[in-house]
PDB file of N, CA and C in Angstrom:
ATOM      1  N   MET A   1      17.923 -10.428  -5.267  1.00  0.00           N
ATOM      2  CA  MET A   1      18.289  -9.019  -5.238  1.00  0.00           C
ATOM      3  C   MET A   1      19.233  -8.750  -4.066  1.00  0.00           C
ATOM      4  N   MET A   2      19.957  -7.698  -4.202  1.00  0.00           N
ATOM      5  CA  MET A   2      20.937  -7.310  -3.189  1.00  0.00           C
ATOM      6  C   MET A   2      20.438  -6.113  -2.398  1.00  0.00           C
ATOM      7  N   THR A   3      21.036  -5.921  -1.242  1.00  0.00           N
ATOM      8  CA  THR A   3      20.824  -4.674  -0.520  1.00  0.00           C
ATOM      9  C   THR A   3      21.600  -3.590  -1.263  1.00  0.00           C
ATOM     10  N   ILE A   4      21.321  -2.340  -0.960  1.00  0.00           N
ATOM     11  CA  ILE A   4      22.049  -1.272  -1.633  1.00  0.00           C
ATOM     12  C   ILE A   4      23.532  -1.313  -1.265  1.00  0.00           C
ATOM     13  N   GLU A   5      23.844  -1.689  -0.035  1.00  0.00           N
ATOM     14  CA  GLU A   5      25.252  -1.786   0.385  1.00  0.00           C
ATOM     15  C   GLU A   5      25.995  -2.850  -0.426  1.00  0.00           C
ATOM     16  N   GLU A   6      25.345  -3.991  -0.634  1.00  0.00           N
ATOM     17  CA  GLU A   6      25.947  -5.061  -1.446  1.00  0.00           C
ATOM     18  C   GLU A   6      26.111  -4.618  -2.900  1.00  0.00           C
ATOM     19  N   ALA A   7      25.106  -3.930  -3.419  1.00  0.00           N
ATOM     20  CA  ALA A   7      25.162  -3.465  -4.806  1.00  0.00           C
ATOM     21  C   ALA A   7      26.280  -2.445  -4.998  1.00  0.00           C
ATOM     22  N   VAL A   8      26.449  -1.541  -4.043  1.00  0.00           N
ATOM     23  CA  VAL A   8      27.514  -0.533  -4.131  1.00  0.00           C
ATOM     24  C   VAL A   8      28.878  -1.215  -4.101  1.00  0.00           C
ATOM     25  N   LYS A   9      29.056  -2.188  -3.241  1.00  0.00           N
ATOM     26  CA  LYS A   9      30.339  -2.911  -3.175  1.00  0.00           C
ATOM     27  C   LYS A   9      30.606  -3.674  -4.471  1.00  0.00           C
ATOM     28  N   LYS A  10      29.570  -4.242  -5.071  1.00  0.00           N
ATOM     29  CA  LYS A  10      29.723  -4.921  -6.367  1.00  0.00           C
ATOM     30  C   LYS A  10      30.126  -3.907  -7.434  1.00  0.00           C
ATOM     31  N   PHE A  11      29.505  -2.749  -7.424  1.00  0.00           N
ATOM     32  CA  PHE A  11      29.833  -1.680  -8.362  1.00  0.00           C
ATOM     33  C   PHE A  11      31.301  -1.267  -8.229  1.00  0.00           C
ATOM     34  N   VAL A  12      31.756  -1.071  -7.009  1.00  0.00           N
ATOM     35  CA  VAL A  12      33.150  -0.677  -6.768  1.00  0.00           C
ATOM     36  C   VAL A  12      34.099  -1.771  -7.243  1.00  0.00           C
ATOM     37  N   ASN A  13      33.735  -3.016  -7.069  1.00  0.00           N
ATOM     38  CA  ASN A  13      34.596  -4.119  -7.500  1.00  0.00           C
ATOM     39  C   ASN A  13      34.713  -4.220  -9.016  1.00  0.00           C
ATOM     40  N   ASP A  14      33.874  -3.484  -9.747  1.00  0.00           N
ATOM     41  CA  ASP A  14      33.993  -3.429 -11.197  1.00  0.00           C
ATOM     42  C   ASP A  14      35.087  -2.451 -11.648  1.00  0.00           C
ATOM     43  N   PHE A  15      35.732  -1.786 -10.696  1.00  0.00           N
ATOM     44  CA  PHE A  15      36.834  -0.867 -10.985  1.00  0.00           C
ATOM     45  C   PHE A  15      38.152  -1.554 -10.639  1.00  0.00           C
ATOM     46  N   SER A  16      39.207  -1.188 -11.363  1.00  0.00           N
ATOM     47  CA  SER A  16      40.550  -1.651 -10.988  1.00  0.00           C
ATOM     48  C   SER A  16      41.130  -0.676  -9.979  1.00  0.00           C
ATOM     49  N   PHE A  17      41.790  -1.199  -8.976  1.00  0.00           N
ATOM     50  CA  PHE A  17      42.424  -0.389  -7.945  1.00  0.00           C
ATOM     51  C   PHE A  17      43.893  -0.254  -8.331  1.00  0.00           C
ATOM     52  N   ILE A  18      44.343   0.962  -8.599  1.00  0.00           N
ATOM     53  CA  ILE A  18      45.706   1.205  -9.058  1.00  0.00           C
ATOM     54  C   ILE A  18      46.424   2.059  -8.028  1.00  0.00           C
ATOM     55  N   PRO A  19      47.605   1.633  -7.572  1.00  0.00           N
ATOM     56  CA  PRO A  19      48.338   2.450  -6.605  1.00  0.00           C
ATOM     57  C   PRO A  19      48.646   3.837  -7.178  1.00  0.00           C
ATOM     58  N   THR A  20      48.345   4.865  -6.418  1.00  0.00           N
ATOM     59  CA  THR A  20      48.593   6.230  -6.849  1.00  0.00           C
ATOM     60  C   THR A  20      50.065   6.446  -7.182  1.00  0.00           C
ATOM     61  N   ASP A  21      50.945   5.821  -6.429  1.00  0.00           N
ATOM     62  CA  ASP A  21      52.377   5.971  -6.695  1.00  0.00           C
ATOM     63  C   ASP A  21      52.753   5.473  -8.088  1.00  0.00           C
ATOM     64  N   LEU A  22      52.068   4.458  -8.576  1.00  0.00           N
ATOM     65  CA  LEU A  22      52.329   3.938  -9.921  1.00  0.00           C
ATOM     66  C   LEU A  22      51.947   4.979 -10.978  1.00  0.00           C
ATOM     67  N   ILE A  23      50.818   5.640 -10.788  1.00  0.00           N
ATOM     68  CA  ILE A  23      50.393   6.696 -11.716  1.00  0.00           C
ATOM     69  C   ILE A  23      51.366   7.873 -11.640  1.00  0.00           C
ATOM     70  N   LYS A  24      51.750   8.249 -10.425  1.00  0.00           N
ATOM     71  CA  LYS A  24      52.712   9.349 -10.268  1.00  0.00           C
ATOM     72  C   LYS A  24      54.022   9.032 -10.990  1.00  0.00           C
ATOM     73  N   LYS A  25      54.489   7.818 -10.844  1.00  0.00           N
ATOM     74  CA  LYS A  25      55.744   7.394 -11.481  1.00  0.00           C
ATOM     75  C   LYS A  25      55.612   7.447 -13.010  1.00  0.00           C
ATOM     76  N   ALA A  26      54.492   6.989 -13.538  1.00  0.00           N
ATOM     77  CA  ALA A  26      54.285   6.982 -14.988  1.00  0.00           C
ATOM     78  C   ALA A  26      54.273   8.392 -15.576  1.00  0.00           C
ATOM     79  N   TYR A  27      53.850   9.366 -14.787  1.00  0.00           N
ATOM     80  CA  TYR A  27      53.706  10.733 -15.288  1.00  0.00           C
ATOM     81  C   TYR A  27      54.674  11.730 -14.650  1.00  0.00           C
ATOM     82  N   GLU A  28      55.648  11.260 -13.885  1.00  0.00           N
ATOM     83  CA  GLU A  28      56.502  12.190 -13.157  1.00  0.00           C
ATOM     84  C   GLU A  28      57.278  13.143 -14.063  1.00  0.00           C
ATOM     85  N   LYS A  29      57.646  12.730 -15.255  1.00  0.00           N
ATOM     86  CA  LYS A  29      58.402  13.606 -16.161  1.00  0.00           C
ATOM     87  C   LYS A  29      57.484  14.535 -16.950  1.00  0.00           C
ATOM     88  N   ASN A  30      56.254  14.131 -17.147  1.00  0.00           N
ATOM     89  CA  ASN A  30      55.294  14.925 -17.914  1.00  0.00           C
ATOM     90  C   ASN A  30      53.926  14.902 -17.223  1.00  0.00           C
ATOM     91  N   PRO A  31      53.801  15.529 -16.046  1.00  0.00           N
ATOM     92  CA  PRO A  31      52.546  15.429 -15.294  1.00  0.00           C
ATOM     93  C   PRO A  31      51.335  15.983 -16.025  1.00  0.00           C
ATOM     94  N   TYR A  32      51.540  16.942 -16.927  1.00  0.00           N
ATOM     95  CA  TYR A  32      50.399  17.503 -17.637  1.00  0.00           C
ATOM     96  C   TYR A  32      49.869  16.593 -18.737  1.00  0.00           C
ATOM     97  N   ASP A  33      50.563  15.491 -19.002  1.00  0.00           N
ATOM     98  CA  ASP A  33      50.046  14.498 -19.941  1.00  0.00           C
ATOM     99  C   ASP A  33      48.892  13.702 -19.325  1.00  0.00           C
ATOM    100  N   LEU A  34      48.791  13.742 -18.000  1.00  0.00           N
ATOM    101  CA  LEU A  34      47.649  13.141 -17.312  1.00  0.00           C
ATOM    102  C   LEU A  34      46.585  14.232 -17.237  1.00  0.00           C
ATOM    103  N   GLU A  35      45.588  14.122 -18.074  1.00  0.00           N
ATOM    104  CA  GLU A  35      44.606  15.201 -18.198  1.00  0.00           C
ATOM    105  C   GLU A  35      43.592  15.163 -17.062  1.00  0.00           C
ATOM    106  N   CYS A  36      43.542  16.253 -16.317  1.00  0.00           N
ATOM    107  CA  CYS A  36      42.546  16.401 -15.258  1.00  0.00           C
ATOM    108  C   CYS A  36      41.273  16.944 -15.888  1.00  0.00           C
ATOM    109  N   LEU A  37      40.157  16.261 -15.682  1.00  0.00           N
ATOM    110  CA  LEU A  37      38.893  16.642 -16.293  1.00  0.00           C
ATOM    111  C   LEU A  37      38.015  17.490 -15.381  1.00  0.00           C
ATOM    112  N   ASN A  38      38.421  17.690 -14.140  1.00  0.00           N
ATOM    113  CA  ASN A  38      37.654  18.508 -13.203  1.00  0.00           C
ATOM    114  C   ASN A  38      37.752  19.979 -13.588  1.00  0.00           C
ATOM    115  N   SER A  39      36.741  20.749 -13.172  1.00  0.00           N
ATOM    116  CA  SER A  39      36.786  22.187 -13.427  1.00  0.00           C
ATOM    117  C   SER A  39      37.913  22.828 -12.617  1.00  0.00           C
ATOM    118  N   GLU A  40      38.137  22.336 -11.408  1.00  0.00           N
ATOM    119  CA  GLU A  40      39.298  22.759 -10.622  1.00  0.00           C
ATOM    120  C   GLU A  40      40.372  21.718 -10.857  1.00  0.00           C
ATOM    121  N   LYS A  41      41.518  22.149 -11.304  1.00  0.00           N
ATOM    122  CA  LYS A  41      42.576  21.198 -11.637  1.00  0.00           C
ATOM    123  C   LYS A  41      43.213  20.634 -10.364  1.00  0.00           C
ATOM    124  N   PHE A  42      43.420  19.340 -10.362  1.00  0.00           N
ATOM    125  CA  PHE A  42      43.980  18.631  -9.221  1.00  0.00           C
ATOM    126  C   PHE A  42      45.396  18.160  -9.502  1.00  0.00           C
ATOM    127  N   ILE A  43      46.128  18.888 -10.324  1.00  0.00           N
ATOM    128  CA  ILE A  43      47.473  18.447 -10.665  1.00  0.00           C
ATOM    129  C   ILE A  43      48.321  19.662 -11.036  1.00  0.00           C
ATOM    130  N   ASP A  44      49.578  19.638 -10.655  1.00  0.00           N
ATOM    131  CA  ASP A  44      50.543  20.643 -11.095  1.00  0.00           C
ATOM    132  C   ASP A  44      51.833  19.920 -11.444  1.00  0.00           C
ATOM    133  N   GLU A  45      52.850  20.659 -11.844  1.00  0.00           N
ATOM    134  CA  GLU A  45      54.076  19.999 -12.313  1.00  0.00           C
ATOM    135  C   GLU A  45      54.753  19.157 -11.235  1.00  0.00           C
ATOM    136  N   ASN A  46      54.490  19.421  -9.972  1.00  0.00           N
ATOM    137  CA  ASN A  46      55.054  18.611  -8.888  1.00  0.00           C
ATOM    138  C   ASN A  46      54.086  17.545  -8.398  1.00  0.00           C
ATOM    139  N   MET A  47      52.934  17.462  -9.035  1.00  0.00           N
ATOM    140  CA  MET A  47      51.855  16.537  -8.658  1.00  0.00           C
ATOM    141  C   MET A  47      51.466  16.708  -7.185  1.00  0.00           C
ATOM    142  N   GLU A  48      51.566  17.949  -6.703  1.00  0.00           N
ATOM    143  CA  GLU A  48      51.249  18.234  -5.301  1.00  0.00           C
ATOM    144  C   GLU A  48      49.762  18.124  -5.001  1.00  0.00           C
ATOM    145  N   TYR A  49      48.920  18.424  -5.965  1.00  0.00           N
ATOM    146  CA  TYR A  49      47.481  18.394  -5.723  1.00  0.00           C
ATOM    147  C   TYR A  49      46.846  17.079  -6.153  1.00  0.00           C
ATOM    148  N   PHE A  50      47.688  16.155  -6.526  1.00  0.00           N
ATOM    149  CA  PHE A  50      47.233  14.840  -6.960  1.00  0.00           C
ATOM    150  C   PHE A  50      46.615  14.112  -5.777  1.00  0.00           C
ATOM    151  N   PRO A  51      45.455  13.450  -5.946  1.00  0.00           N
ATOM    152  CA  PRO A  51      44.787  12.795  -4.800  1.00  0.00           C
ATOM    153  C   PRO A  51      45.550  11.558  -4.344  1.00  0.00           C
ATOM    154  N   ALA A  52      46.413  11.748  -3.384  1.00  0.00           N
ATOM    155  CA  ALA A  52      47.300  10.667  -2.966  1.00  0.00           C
ATOM    156  C   ALA A  52      47.041  10.188  -1.544  1.00  0.00           C
ATOM    157  N   MET A  53      46.154  10.840  -0.833  1.00  0.00           N
ATOM    158  CA  MET A  53      45.973  10.518   0.576  1.00  0.00           C
ATOM    159  C   MET A  53      45.570   9.063   0.793  1.00  0.00           C
ATOM    160  N   TRP A  54      44.682   8.547  -0.054  1.00  0.00           N
ATOM    161  CA  TRP A  54      44.202   7.186   0.140  1.00  0.00           C
ATOM    162  C   TRP A  54      45.140   6.168  -0.472  1.00  0.00           C
ATOM    163  N   GLY A  55      45.979   6.608  -1.410  1.00  0.00           N
ATOM    164  CA  GLY A  55      46.985   5.725  -1.987  1.00  0.00           C
ATOM    165  C   GLY A  55      46.500   4.845  -3.125  1.00  0.00           C
ATOM    166  N   THR A  56      45.265   5.058  -3.572  1.00  0.00           N
ATOM    167  CA  THR A  56      44.694   4.234  -4.633  1.00  0.00           C
ATOM    168  C   THR A  56      43.874   5.108  -5.566  1.00  0.00           C
ATOM    169  N   MET A  57      43.964   4.796  -6.842  1.00  0.00           N
ATOM    170  CA  MET A  57      43.083   5.416  -7.825  1.00  0.00           C
ATOM    171  C   MET A  57      42.243   4.302  -8.444  1.00  0.00           C
ATOM    172  N   PHE A  58      41.177   4.676  -9.084  1.00  0.00           N
ATOM    173  CA  PHE A  58      40.209   3.700  -9.559  1.00  0.00           C
ATOM    174  C   PHE A  58      39.987   3.869 -11.054  1.00  0.00           C
ATOM    175  N   SER A  59      40.186   2.793 -11.789  1.00  0.00           N
ATOM    176  CA  SER A  59      40.016   2.787 -13.239  1.00  0.00           C
ATOM    177  C   SER A  59      38.767   1.991 -13.593  1.00  0.00           C
ATOM    178  N   CYS A  60      37.921   2.581 -14.429  1.00  0.00           N
ATOM    179  CA  CYS A  60      36.694   1.908 -14.868  1.00  0.00           C
ATOM    180  C   CYS A  60      37.048   0.734 -15.774  1.00  0.00           C
ATOM    181  N   ASN A  61      36.508  -0.411 -15.487  1.00  0.00           N
ATOM    182  CA  ASN A  61      36.687  -1.566 -16.358  1.00  0.00           C
ATOM    183  C   ASN A  61      35.541  -1.718 -17.352  1.00  0.00           C
ATOM    184  N   ASP A  62      34.415  -1.115 -17.037  1.00  0.00           N
ATOM    185  CA  ASP A  62      33.230  -1.209 -17.890  1.00  0.00           C
ATOM    186  C   ASP A  62      33.165   0.038 -18.772  1.00  0.00           C
ATOM    187  N   TRP A  63      33.102  -0.147 -20.078  1.00  0.00           N
ATOM    188  CA  TRP A  63      33.098   0.997 -20.993  1.00  0.00           C
ATOM    189  C   TRP A  63      31.896   1.900 -20.767  1.00  0.00           C
ATOM    190  N   THR A  64      30.779   1.344 -20.289  1.00  0.00           N
ATOM    191  CA  THR A  64      29.605   2.186 -20.063  1.00  0.00           C
ATOM    192  C   THR A  64      29.837   3.141 -18.894  1.00  0.00           C
ATOM    193  N   ASP A  65      30.595   2.698 -17.885  1.00  0.00           N
ATOM    194  CA  ASP A  65      30.956   3.597 -16.783  1.00  0.00           C
ATOM    195  C   ASP A  65      31.857   4.714 -17.294  1.00  0.00           C
ATOM    196  N   LYS A  66      32.840   4.365 -18.129  1.00  0.00           N
ATOM    197  CA  LYS A  66      33.748   5.380 -18.687  1.00  0.00           C
ATOM    198  C   LYS A  66      32.970   6.442 -19.453  1.00  0.00           C
ATOM    199  N   GLU A  67      32.075   5.999 -20.309  1.00  0.00           N
ATOM    200  CA  GLU A  67      31.315   6.952 -21.117  1.00  0.00           C
ATOM    201  C   GLU A  67      30.378   7.790 -20.264  1.00  0.00           C
ATOM    202  N   TRP A  68      29.747   7.167 -19.273  1.00  0.00           N
ATOM    203  CA  TRP A  68      28.851   7.916 -18.404  1.00  0.00           C
ATOM    204  C   TRP A  68      29.629   8.994 -17.655  1.00  0.00           C
ATOM    205  N   ILE A  69      30.795   8.646 -17.129  1.00  0.00           N
ATOM    206  CA  ILE A  69      31.608   9.629 -16.403  1.00  0.00           C
ATOM    207  C   ILE A  69      32.031  10.759 -17.338  1.00  0.00           C
ATOM    208  N   ARG A  70      32.484  10.430 -18.535  1.00  0.00           N
ATOM    209  CA  ARG A  70      32.887  11.474 -19.503  1.00  0.00           C
ATOM    210  C   ARG A  70      31.741  12.453 -19.789  1.00  0.00           C
ATOM    211  N   LYS A  71      30.517  11.940 -19.849  1.00  0.00           N
ATOM    212  CA  LYS A  71      29.362  12.781 -20.158  1.00  0.00           C
ATOM    213  C   LYS A  71      28.797  13.493 -18.931  1.00  0.00           C
ATOM    214  N   ASN A  72      29.260  13.103 -17.744  1.00  0.00           N
ATOM    215  CA  ASN A  72      28.712  13.646 -16.501  1.00  0.00           C
ATOM    216  C   ASN A  72      29.809  14.097 -15.537  1.00  0.00           C
ATOM    217  N   ILE A  73      30.817  14.750 -16.079  1.00  0.00           N
ATOM    218  CA  ILE A  73      31.961  15.215 -15.278  1.00  0.00           C
ATOM    219  C   ILE A  73      31.484  16.051 -14.088  1.00  0.00           C
ATOM    220  N   GLU A  74      30.545  16.956 -14.323  1.00  0.00           N
ATOM    221  CA  GLU A  74      30.083  17.852 -13.254  1.00  0.00           C
ATOM    222  C   GLU A  74      29.473  17.072 -12.089  1.00  0.00           C
ATOM    223  N   ILE A  75      28.696  16.054 -12.395  1.00  0.00           N
ATOM    224  CA  ILE A  75      28.067  15.245 -11.345  1.00  0.00           C
ATOM    225  C   ILE A  75      29.125  14.493 -10.553  1.00  0.00           C
ATOM    226  N   VAL A  76      30.069  13.875 -11.245  1.00  0.00           N
ATOM    227  CA  VAL A  76      31.122  13.093 -10.588  1.00  0.00           C
ATOM    228  C   VAL A  76      32.001  14.004  -9.751  1.00  0.00           C
ATOM    229  N   GLU A  77      32.274  15.192 -10.261  1.00  0.00           N
ATOM    230  CA  GLU A  77      33.062  16.179  -9.512  1.00  0.00           C
ATOM    231  C   GLU A  77      32.301  16.644  -8.276  1.00  0.00           C
ATOM    232  N   GLU A  78      30.997  16.866  -8.418  1.00  0.00           N
ATOM    233  CA  GLU A  78      30.184  17.300  -7.279  1.00  0.00           C
ATOM    234  C   GLU A  78      30.173  16.246  -6.170  1.00  0.00           C
ATOM    235  N   ILE A  79      30.199  14.986  -6.553  1.00  0.00           N
ATOM    236  CA  ILE A  79      30.274  13.908  -5.556  1.00  0.00           C
ATOM    237  C   ILE A  79      31.576  14.002  -4.784  1.00  0.00           C
ATOM    238  N   GLY A  80      32.635  14.490  -5.436  1.00  0.00           N
ATOM    239  CA  GLY A  80      33.901  14.693  -4.743  1.00  0.00           C
ATOM    240  C   GLY A  80      35.100  13.991  -5.350  1.00  0.00           C
ATOM    241  N   PHE A  81      34.912  13.341  -6.473  1.00  0.00           N
ATOM    242  CA  PHE A  81      36.017  12.640  -7.117  1.00  0.00           C
ATOM    243  C   PHE A  81      36.888  13.606  -7.911  1.00  0.00           C
ATOM    244  N   ALA A  82      38.184  13.338  -7.921  1.00  0.00           N
ATOM    245  CA  ALA A  82      39.075  13.933  -8.904  1.00  0.00           C
ATOM    246  C   ALA A  82      39.010  13.004 -10.106  1.00  0.00           C
ATOM    247  N   ILE A  83      38.941  13.560 -11.316  1.00  0.00           N
ATOM    248  CA  ILE A  83      38.726  12.760 -12.519  1.00  0.00           C
ATOM    249  C   ILE A  83      39.848  13.041 -13.507  1.00  0.00           C
ATOM    250  N   TYR A  84      40.464  11.974 -13.982  1.00  0.00           N
ATOM    251  CA  TYR A  84      41.575  12.099 -14.920  1.00  0.00           C
ATOM    252  C   TYR A  84      41.322  11.225 -16.136  1.00  0.00           C
ATOM    253  N   ASP A  85      41.925  11.629 -17.238  1.00  0.00           N
ATOM    254  CA  ASP A  85      41.927  10.805 -18.435  1.00  0.00           C
ATOM    255  C   ASP A  85      43.370  10.358 -18.640  1.00  0.00           C
ATOM    256  N   CYS A  86      43.599   9.075 -18.504  1.00  0.00           N
ATOM    257  CA  CYS A  86      44.935   8.491 -18.549  1.00  0.00           C
ATOM    258  C   CYS A  86      45.084   7.703 -19.847  1.00  0.00           C
ATOM    259  N   GLU A  87      46.147   7.997 -20.598  1.00  0.00           N
ATOM    260  CA  GLU A  87      46.334   7.296 -21.870  1.00  0.00           C
ATOM    261  C   GLU A  87      46.510   5.796 -21.684  1.00  0.00           C
ATOM    262  N   TYR A  88      46.940   5.364 -20.519  1.00  0.00           N
ATOM    263  CA  TYR A  88      47.197   3.942 -20.276  1.00  0.00           C
ATOM    264  C   TYR A  88      45.986   3.185 -19.749  1.00  0.00           C
ATOM    265  N   CYS A  89      45.117   3.869 -19.006  1.00  0.00           N
ATOM    266  CA  CYS A  89      43.990   3.136 -18.415  1.00  0.00           C
ATOM    267  C   CYS A  89      42.662   3.872 -18.524  1.00  0.00           C
ATOM    268  N   GLY A  90      42.576   4.890 -19.329  1.00  0.00           N
ATOM    269  CA  GLY A  90      41.298   5.568 -19.520  1.00  0.00           C
ATOM    270  C   GLY A  90      40.936   6.452 -18.341  1.00  0.00           C
ATOM    271  N   ILE A  91      39.676   6.454 -17.998  1.00  0.00           N
ATOM    272  CA  ILE A  91      39.190   7.289 -16.901  1.00  0.00           C
ATOM    273  C   ILE A  91      39.721   6.759 -15.574  1.00  0.00           C
ATOM    274  N   LEU A  92      40.278   7.682 -14.786  1.00  0.00           N
ATOM    275  CA  LEU A  92      40.741   7.377 -13.430  1.00  0.00           C
ATOM    276  C   LEU A  92      40.003   8.279 -12.456  1.00  0.00           C
ATOM    277  N   LEU A  93      39.578   7.707 -11.352  1.00  0.00           N
ATOM    278  CA  LEU A  93      38.965   8.491 -10.284  1.00  0.00           C
ATOM    279  C   LEU A  93      39.895   8.492  -9.085  1.00  0.00           C
ATOM    280  N   GLY A  94      39.993   9.636  -8.443  1.00  0.00           N
ATOM    281  CA  GLY A  94      40.809   9.754  -7.246  1.00  0.00           C
ATOM    282  C   GLY A  94      39.993  10.321  -6.101  1.00  0.00           C
ATOM    283  N   ILE A  95      40.368   9.930  -4.907  1.00  0.00           N
ATOM    284  CA  ILE A  95      39.730  10.426  -3.686  1.00  0.00           C
ATOM    285  C   ILE A  95      40.835  10.993  -2.816  1.00  0.00           C
ATOM    286  N   ASN A  96      40.671  12.235  -2.406  1.00  0.00           N
ATOM    287  CA  ASN A  96      41.667  12.845  -1.536  1.00  0.00           C
ATOM    288  C   ASN A  96      41.048  13.040  -0.161  1.00  0.00           C
ATOM    289  N   GLY A  97      41.115  12.010   0.627  1.00  0.00           N
ATOM    290  CA  GLY A  97      40.540  12.057   1.959  1.00  0.00           C
ATOM    291  C   GLY A  97      40.799  10.764   2.698  1.00  0.00           C
ATOM    292  N   ALA A  98      40.535  10.776   3.980  1.00  0.00           N
ATOM    293  CA  ALA A  98      40.716   9.577   4.798  1.00  0.00           C
ATOM    294  C   ALA A  98      39.902   9.741   6.076  1.00  0.00           C
ATOM    295  N   GLY A  99      39.646   8.621   6.717  1.00  0.00           N
ATOM    296  CA  GLY A  99      39.002   8.655   8.023  1.00  0.00           C
ATOM    297  C   GLY A  99      37.486   8.677   7.991  1.00  0.00           C
ATOM    298  N   PHE A 100      36.892   8.276   6.883  1.00  0.00           N
ATOM    299  CA  PHE A 100      35.438   8.215   6.807  1.00  0.00           C
ATOM    300  C   PHE A 100      35.037   7.063   5.898  1.00  0.00           C
ATOM    301  N   ASN A 101      33.746   6.794   5.811  1.00  0.00           N
ATOM    302  CA  ASN A 101      33.243   5.681   5.027  1.00  0.00           C
ATOM    303  C   ASN A 101      33.194   6.067   3.549  1.00  0.00           C
ATOM    304  N   PHE A 102      34.107   5.522   2.754  1.00  0.00           N
ATOM    305  CA  PHE A 102      34.192   5.844   1.329  1.00  0.00           C
ATOM    306  C   PHE A 102      32.975   5.343   0.558  1.00  0.00           C
ATOM    307  N   TYR A 103      32.426   4.222   0.990  1.00  0.00           N
ATOM    308  CA  TYR A 103      31.260   3.684   0.290  1.00  0.00           C
ATOM    309  C   TYR A 103      30.086   4.657   0.368  1.00  0.00           C
ATOM    310  N   ASP A 104      29.805   5.171   1.567  1.00  0.00           N
ATOM    311  CA  ASP A 104      28.688   6.097   1.731  1.00  0.00           C
ATOM    312  C   ASP A 104      28.987   7.476   1.154  1.00  0.00           C
ATOM    313  N   THR A 105      30.200   7.950   1.365  1.00  0.00           N
ATOM    314  CA  THR A 105      30.555   9.311   0.966  1.00  0.00           C
ATOM    315  C   THR A 105      30.710   9.471  -0.534  1.00  0.00           C
ATOM    316  N   TYR A 106      31.262   8.477  -1.210  1.00  0.00           N
ATOM    317  CA  TYR A 106      31.533   8.596  -2.639  1.00  0.00           C
ATOM    318  C   TYR A 106      30.796   7.569  -3.495  1.00  0.00           C
ATOM    319  N   TRP A 107      31.030   6.303  -3.206  1.00  0.00           N
ATOM    320  CA  TRP A 107      30.589   5.254  -4.126  1.00  0.00           C
ATOM    321  C   TRP A 107      29.073   5.087  -4.193  1.00  0.00           C
ATOM    322  N   LYS A 108      28.400   5.188  -3.073  1.00  0.00           N
ATOM    323  CA  LYS A 108      26.935   5.066  -3.093  1.00  0.00           C
ATOM    324  C   LYS A 108      26.326   6.206  -3.918  1.00  0.00           C
ATOM    325  N   LYS A 109      26.866   7.403  -3.743  1.00  0.00           N
ATOM    326  CA  LYS A 109      26.372   8.553  -4.509  1.00  0.00           C
ATOM    327  C   LYS A 109      26.617   8.354  -6.001  1.00  0.00           C
ATOM    328  N   LEU A 110      27.785   7.821  -6.358  1.00  0.00           N
ATOM    329  CA  LEU A 110      28.083   7.575  -7.769  1.00  0.00           C
ATOM    330  C   LEU A 110      27.178   6.477  -8.334  1.00  0.00           C
ATOM    331  N   TYR A 111      26.998   5.414  -7.560  1.00  0.00           N
ATOM    332  CA  TYR A 111      26.111   4.311  -7.972  1.00  0.00           C
ATOM    333  C   TYR A 111      24.702   4.846  -8.247  1.00  0.00           C
ATOM    334  N   LEU A 112      24.177   5.653  -7.341  1.00  0.00           N
ATOM    335  CA  LEU A 112      22.826   6.192  -7.508  1.00  0.00           C
ATOM    336  C   LEU A 112      22.762   7.195  -8.657  1.00  0.00           C
ATOM    337  N   ALA A 113      23.756   8.066  -8.770  1.00  0.00           N
ATOM    338  CA  ALA A 113      23.791   9.033  -9.866  1.00  0.00           C
ATOM    339  C   ALA A 113      23.853   8.317 -11.209  1.00  0.00           C
ATOM    340  N   ARG A 114      24.550   7.209 -11.228  1.00  0.00           N
ATOM    341  CA  ARG A 114      24.716   6.404 -12.447  1.00  0.00           C
ATOM    342  C   ARG A 114      23.391   5.759 -12.864  1.00  0.00           C
ATOM    343  N   GLY A 115      22.421   5.731 -11.936  1.00  0.00           N
ATOM    344  CA  GLY A 115      21.109   5.181 -12.251  1.00  0.00           C
ATOM    345  C   GLY A 115      21.037   3.669 -12.176  1.00  0.00           C
ATOM    346  N   LEU A 116      22.013   3.057 -11.518  1.00  0.00           N
ATOM    347  CA  LEU A 116      22.016   1.595 -11.403  1.00  0.00           C
ATOM    348  C   LEU A 116      20.958   1.140 -10.410  1.00  0.00           C
ATOM    349  N   LYS A 117      20.391  -0.024 -10.667  1.00  0.00           N
ATOM    350  CA  LYS A 117      19.314  -0.551  -9.821  1.00  0.00           C
ATOM    351  C   LYS A 117      19.524  -2.019  -9.561  1.00  0.00           C
ATOM    352  N   TRP A 118      20.695  -2.330  -9.052  1.00  0.00           N
ATOM    353  CA  TRP A 118      21.020  -3.722  -8.747  1.00  0.00           C
ATOM    354  C   TRP A 118      20.489  -4.133  -7.375  1.00  0.00           C
ATOM    355  N   HIS A 119      19.899  -3.218  -6.669  1.00  0.00           N
ATOM    356  CA  HIS A 119      19.495  -3.450  -5.287  1.00  0.00           C
ATOM    357  C   HIS A 119      17.968  -3.456  -5.154  1.00  0.00           C
ATOM    358  N   GLU A 120      17.524  -3.998  -4.031  1.00  0.00           N
ATOM    359  CA  GLU A 120      16.113  -3.955  -3.690  1.00  0.00           C
ATOM    360  C   GLU A 120      15.767  -2.537  -3.285  1.00  0.00           C
ATOM    361  N   LYS A 121      14.543  -2.130  -3.557  1.00  0.00           N
ATOM    362  CA  LYS A 121      14.117  -0.804  -3.096  1.00  0.00           C
ATOM    363  C   LYS A 121      14.040  -0.828  -1.589  1.00  0.00           C
ATOM    364  N   GLU A 122      14.458   0.275  -1.006  1.00  0.00           N
ATOM    365  CA  GLU A 122      14.441   0.358   0.466  1.00  0.00           C
ATOM    366  C   GLU A 122      13.109   0.877   0.955  1.00  0.00           C
TER     367      GLU A 122
END
């Protein structure tokens, strides 16, 4: 069994890391084709509200993660992720922040909300 920290890092490694600039470039002519699933929209025609601070977006590689996120938008949004549906890579998660521990602030909460139990009980 793993510690919760190890399990969270394994969970994150199941996502593809995509440069935000690549997504911006793909949608620069039609930014509204990138569907924002959050209740508060994180995108406008200039992509000014797009989560670009960290420079990376995260695409689910596991279909069960994609489906869980689609069914639990409110929970994922409450954790703090910007959530998009991308025709090229499916569900994308964005983080607009820097200078803190992303594993504790976002990923551990998502791992626990997802109900995963790859770790030893603490």
